[in-house]
Amino acid sequence: VTNRYANKDLATAHDNIISAPDIDGLTIANALAQACRDFEAAPDAGWAAQSHMPAFLDPSPWAFLDEVALELGKVWQRLPPARA
């Protein structure tokens, strides 16, 4: 259970995520209670849920990060030692 706002709605990323419309305590409590009722009614339903972000489980969705890390390491090595 999370909240949604503006352009952020994590429920669009996966069926197992519930996005409450606001962060009011009663709203969050109701969403949690509903999630518990849903689980009690069908404990295995979560396994059937779908991700809507196929690259989320990709081991390296941003292949360029290895190159960025290498370049940052080179810059780091050229910096003067930090003073204590």
N, C-alpha and C. Protein backbone atom coordinates (compact mmCIF):
# COMPACT_ATOMS: atom_id res chain seq x y z
N VAL A 1 0.86 -1.18 0.00
CA VAL A 1 0.00 0.00 0.00
C VAL A 1 0.89 1.23 0.00
N THR A 2 0.61 2.12 -0.91
CA THR A 2 1.33 3.39 -1.00
C THR A 2 0.31 4.46 -1.38
N ASN A 3 0.74 5.68 -1.43
CA ASN A 3 -0.16 6.73 -1.89
C ASN A 3 0.21 7.14 -3.30
N ARG A 4 -0.72 7.74 -3.97
CA ARG A 4 -0.43 8.26 -5.32
C ARG A 4 -0.61 9.78 -5.27
N TYR A 5 0.10 10.43 -6.16
CA TYR A 5 -0.04 11.88 -6.28
C TYR A 5 0.50 12.30 -7.63
N ALA A 6 0.01 13.40 -8.13
CA ALA A 6 0.44 13.96 -9.41
C ALA A 6 0.60 12.86 -10.45
N ASN A 7 1.83 12.64 -10.91
CA ASN A 7 2.07 11.65 -11.95
C ASN A 7 2.64 10.35 -11.39
N LYS A 8 2.62 10.14 -10.06
CA LYS A 8 3.16 8.93 -9.46
C LYS A 8 2.03 8.03 -9.00
N ASP A 9 1.95 6.85 -9.60
CA ASP A 9 0.97 5.86 -9.18
C ASP A 9 1.61 4.49 -9.36
N LEU A 10 2.24 3.99 -8.29
CA LEU A 10 2.98 2.73 -8.39
C LEU A 10 2.09 1.54 -8.70
N ALA A 11 0.78 1.66 -8.49
CA ALA A 11 -0.13 0.56 -8.82
C ALA A 11 -0.12 0.28 -10.32
N THR A 12 0.29 1.24 -11.11
CA THR A 12 0.38 1.00 -12.55
C THR A 12 1.58 0.13 -12.89
N ALA A 13 2.50 -0.06 -11.93
CA ALA A 13 3.70 -0.87 -12.17
C ALA A 13 3.47 -2.35 -11.91
N HIS A 14 2.57 -2.68 -10.96
CA HIS A 14 2.36 -4.09 -10.61
C HIS A 14 0.99 -4.26 -9.98
N ASP A 15 0.35 -5.39 -10.29
CA ASP A 15 -0.98 -5.66 -9.77
C ASP A 15 -1.01 -5.80 -8.24
N ASN A 16 0.11 -6.12 -7.62
CA ASN A 16 0.14 -6.30 -6.16
C ASN A 16 0.32 -5.01 -5.39
N ILE A 17 0.43 -3.90 -6.07
CA ILE A 17 0.60 -2.61 -5.39
C ILE A 17 -0.74 -1.89 -5.35
N ILE A 18 -1.09 -1.41 -4.18
CA ILE A 18 -2.32 -0.65 -4.00
C ILE A 18 -1.94 0.80 -3.78
N SER A 19 -2.49 1.71 -4.57
CA SER A 19 -2.23 3.14 -4.43
C SER A 19 -3.46 3.82 -3.86
N ALA A 20 -3.34 4.31 -2.65
CA ALA A 20 -4.43 5.06 -2.03
C ALA A 20 -4.43 6.47 -2.61
N PRO A 21 -5.58 7.09 -2.68
CA PRO A 21 -5.65 8.42 -3.29
C PRO A 21 -5.01 9.53 -2.47
N ASP A 22 -4.77 9.29 -1.16
CA ASP A 22 -4.15 10.32 -0.33
C ASP A 22 -3.47 9.65 0.86
N ILE A 23 -2.83 10.44 1.72
CA ILE A 23 -2.10 9.88 2.85
C ILE A 23 -2.86 10.05 4.17
N ASP A 24 -4.12 10.34 4.09
CA ASP A 24 -4.94 10.42 5.29
C ASP A 24 -4.89 9.08 6.03
N GLY A 25 -4.76 9.12 7.34
CA GLY A 25 -4.64 7.91 8.13
C GLY A 25 -5.77 6.93 7.89
N LEU A 26 -7.00 7.42 7.81
CA LEU A 26 -8.15 6.54 7.60
C LEU A 26 -8.10 5.92 6.20
N THR A 27 -7.69 6.68 5.22
CA THR A 27 -7.57 6.15 3.86
C THR A 27 -6.56 5.02 3.81
N ILE A 28 -5.39 5.24 4.42
CA ILE A 28 -4.35 4.20 4.44
C ILE A 28 -4.83 2.98 5.23
N ALA A 29 -5.48 3.21 6.38
CA ALA A 29 -6.00 2.10 7.19
C ALA A 29 -7.01 1.29 6.40
N ASN A 30 -7.89 1.95 5.68
CA ASN A 30 -8.88 1.24 4.88
C ASN A 30 -8.22 0.43 3.77
N ALA A 31 -7.19 1.00 3.14
CA ALA A 31 -6.48 0.27 2.07
C ALA A 31 -5.78 -0.96 2.64
N LEU A 32 -5.16 -0.81 3.82
CA LEU A 32 -4.50 -1.95 4.45
C LEU A 32 -5.52 -3.01 4.85
N ALA A 33 -6.65 -2.59 5.40
CA ALA A 33 -7.70 -3.54 5.78
C ALA A 33 -8.22 -4.28 4.56
N GLN A 34 -8.40 -3.57 3.45
CA GLN A 34 -8.88 -4.22 2.23
C GLN A 34 -7.84 -5.21 1.70
N ALA A 35 -6.57 -4.82 1.77
CA ALA A 35 -5.51 -5.74 1.34
C ALA A 35 -5.52 -7.01 2.18
N CYS A 36 -5.75 -6.87 3.47
CA CYS A 36 -5.82 -8.05 4.37
C CYS A 36 -7.02 -8.91 4.02
N ARG A 37 -8.17 -8.28 3.78
CA ARG A 37 -9.37 -9.05 3.40
C ARG A 37 -9.15 -9.79 2.09
N ASP A 38 -8.53 -9.10 1.13
CA ASP A 38 -8.25 -9.74 -0.16
C ASP A 38 -7.32 -10.94 0.02
N PHE A 39 -6.31 -10.78 0.87
CA PHE A 39 -5.37 -11.88 1.11
C PHE A 39 -6.07 -13.06 1.79
N GLU A 40 -6.90 -12.76 2.77
CA GLU A 40 -7.61 -13.83 3.47
C GLU A 40 -8.55 -14.58 2.53
N ALA A 41 -9.13 -13.86 1.58
CA ALA A 41 -10.05 -14.48 0.63
C ALA A 41 -9.32 -15.34 -0.40
N ALA A 42 -8.11 -14.93 -0.76
CA ALA A 42 -7.35 -15.66 -1.80
C ALA A 42 -5.86 -15.49 -1.54
N PRO A 43 -5.30 -16.28 -0.60
CA PRO A 43 -3.89 -16.11 -0.21
C PRO A 43 -2.88 -16.28 -1.35
N ASP A 44 -3.22 -17.04 -2.36
CA ASP A 44 -2.28 -17.27 -3.47
C ASP A 44 -2.48 -16.32 -4.64
N ALA A 45 -3.43 -15.42 -4.55
CA ALA A 45 -3.73 -14.52 -5.67
C ALA A 45 -2.54 -13.66 -6.07
N GLY A 46 -1.72 -13.28 -5.10
CA GLY A 46 -0.56 -12.44 -5.40
C GLY A 46 0.41 -13.06 -6.39
N TRP A 47 0.50 -14.39 -6.37
CA TRP A 47 1.40 -15.08 -7.30
C TRP A 47 0.94 -14.96 -8.74
N ALA A 48 -0.36 -14.73 -8.94
CA ALA A 48 -0.90 -14.60 -10.29
C ALA A 48 -0.84 -13.17 -10.81
N ALA A 49 -0.52 -12.24 -9.94
CA ALA A 49 -0.47 -10.83 -10.33
C ALA A 49 0.64 -10.60 -11.35
N GLN A 50 0.48 -9.56 -12.12
CA GLN A 50 1.41 -9.27 -13.21
C GLN A 50 2.17 -7.97 -13.00
N SER A 51 3.42 -7.98 -13.43
CA SER A 51 4.20 -6.75 -13.48
C SER A 51 3.87 -6.03 -14.78
N HIS A 52 3.80 -4.74 -14.73
CA HIS A 52 3.56 -3.94 -15.93
C HIS A 52 4.82 -3.18 -16.33
N MET A 53 5.96 -3.64 -15.76
CA MET A 53 7.27 -3.06 -16.06
C MET A 53 8.22 -4.21 -16.38
N PRO A 54 8.20 -4.73 -17.59
CA PRO A 54 9.01 -5.91 -17.92
C PRO A 54 10.49 -5.74 -17.63
N ALA A 55 11.03 -4.56 -17.75
CA ALA A 55 12.47 -4.35 -17.54
C ALA A 55 12.83 -4.33 -16.06
N PHE A 56 11.84 -4.31 -15.17
CA PHE A 56 12.12 -4.21 -13.74
C PHE A 56 13.01 -5.34 -13.24
N LEU A 57 12.79 -6.54 -13.73
CA LEU A 57 13.57 -7.69 -13.29
C LEU A 57 14.78 -7.96 -14.18
N ASP A 58 14.97 -7.15 -15.20
CA ASP A 58 16.12 -7.29 -16.08
C ASP A 58 17.39 -7.05 -15.27
N PRO A 59 18.37 -7.95 -15.31
CA PRO A 59 19.56 -7.77 -14.48
C PRO A 59 20.34 -6.50 -14.78
N SER A 60 20.23 -5.98 -15.97
CA SER A 60 20.95 -4.76 -16.30
C SER A 60 20.13 -3.93 -17.29
N PRO A 61 19.04 -3.31 -16.81
CA PRO A 61 18.21 -2.55 -17.73
C PRO A 61 18.90 -1.32 -18.30
N TRP A 62 19.97 -0.87 -17.62
CA TRP A 62 20.70 0.30 -18.10
C TRP A 62 22.15 -0.11 -18.32
N ALA A 63 22.40 -0.72 -19.45
CA ALA A 63 23.73 -1.25 -19.75
C ALA A 63 24.81 -0.18 -19.67
N PHE A 64 24.48 1.08 -19.88
CA PHE A 64 25.47 2.15 -19.87
C PHE A 64 26.04 2.41 -18.48
N LEU A 65 25.40 1.91 -17.42
CA LEU A 65 25.87 2.19 -16.06
C LEU A 65 27.26 1.62 -15.80
N ASP A 66 27.60 0.49 -16.39
CA ASP A 66 28.95 -0.06 -16.22
C ASP A 66 29.99 0.92 -16.75
N GLU A 67 29.71 1.52 -17.89
CA GLU A 67 30.64 2.49 -18.49
C GLU A 67 30.72 3.75 -17.63
N VAL A 68 29.59 4.21 -17.12
CA VAL A 68 29.58 5.39 -16.26
C VAL A 68 30.41 5.12 -15.00
N ALA A 69 30.23 3.95 -14.40
CA ALA A 69 30.99 3.60 -13.19
C ALA A 69 32.48 3.58 -13.47
N LEU A 70 32.87 3.03 -14.60
CA LEU A 70 34.28 2.98 -14.97
C LEU A 70 34.85 4.39 -15.11
N GLU A 71 34.13 5.26 -15.79
CA GLU A 71 34.59 6.64 -15.98
C GLU A 71 34.65 7.39 -14.66
N LEU A 72 33.67 7.18 -13.79
CA LEU A 72 33.70 7.83 -12.48
C LEU A 72 34.89 7.35 -11.65
N GLY A 73 35.22 6.06 -11.77
CA GLY A 73 36.39 5.52 -11.07
C GLY A 73 37.66 6.20 -11.52
N LYS A 74 37.79 6.48 -12.81
CA LYS A 74 38.97 7.16 -13.33
C LYS A 74 39.07 8.58 -12.76
N VAL A 75 37.94 9.27 -12.70
CA VAL A 75 37.91 10.62 -12.14
C VAL A 75 38.29 10.56 -10.66
N TRP A 76 37.72 9.62 -9.93
CA TRP A 76 37.98 9.47 -8.50
C TRP A 76 39.47 9.26 -8.23
N GLN A 77 40.12 8.46 -9.08
CA GLN A 77 41.55 8.18 -8.89
C GLN A 77 42.40 9.42 -9.09
N ARG A 78 41.95 10.39 -9.88
CA ARG A 78 42.72 11.60 -10.14
C ARG A 78 42.52 12.67 -9.08
N LEU A 79 41.57 12.49 -8.18
CA LEU A 79 41.33 13.51 -7.14
C LEU A 79 42.44 13.47 -6.10
N PRO A 80 42.76 14.63 -5.54
CA PRO A 80 43.78 14.65 -4.48
C PRO A 80 43.22 13.93 -3.24
N PRO A 81 44.11 13.40 -2.41
CA PRO A 81 43.64 12.71 -1.20
C PRO A 81 42.89 13.68 -0.29
N ALA A 82 41.91 13.16 0.39
CA ALA A 82 41.13 13.97 1.34
C ALA A 82 41.96 14.24 2.58
N ARG A 83 41.77 15.43 3.13
CA ARG A 83 42.49 15.78 4.37
C ARG A 83 41.63 15.41 5.58
N ALA A 84 42.28 14.95 6.62
CA ALA A 84 41.56 14.58 7.85
C ALA A 84 41.30 15.77 8.71
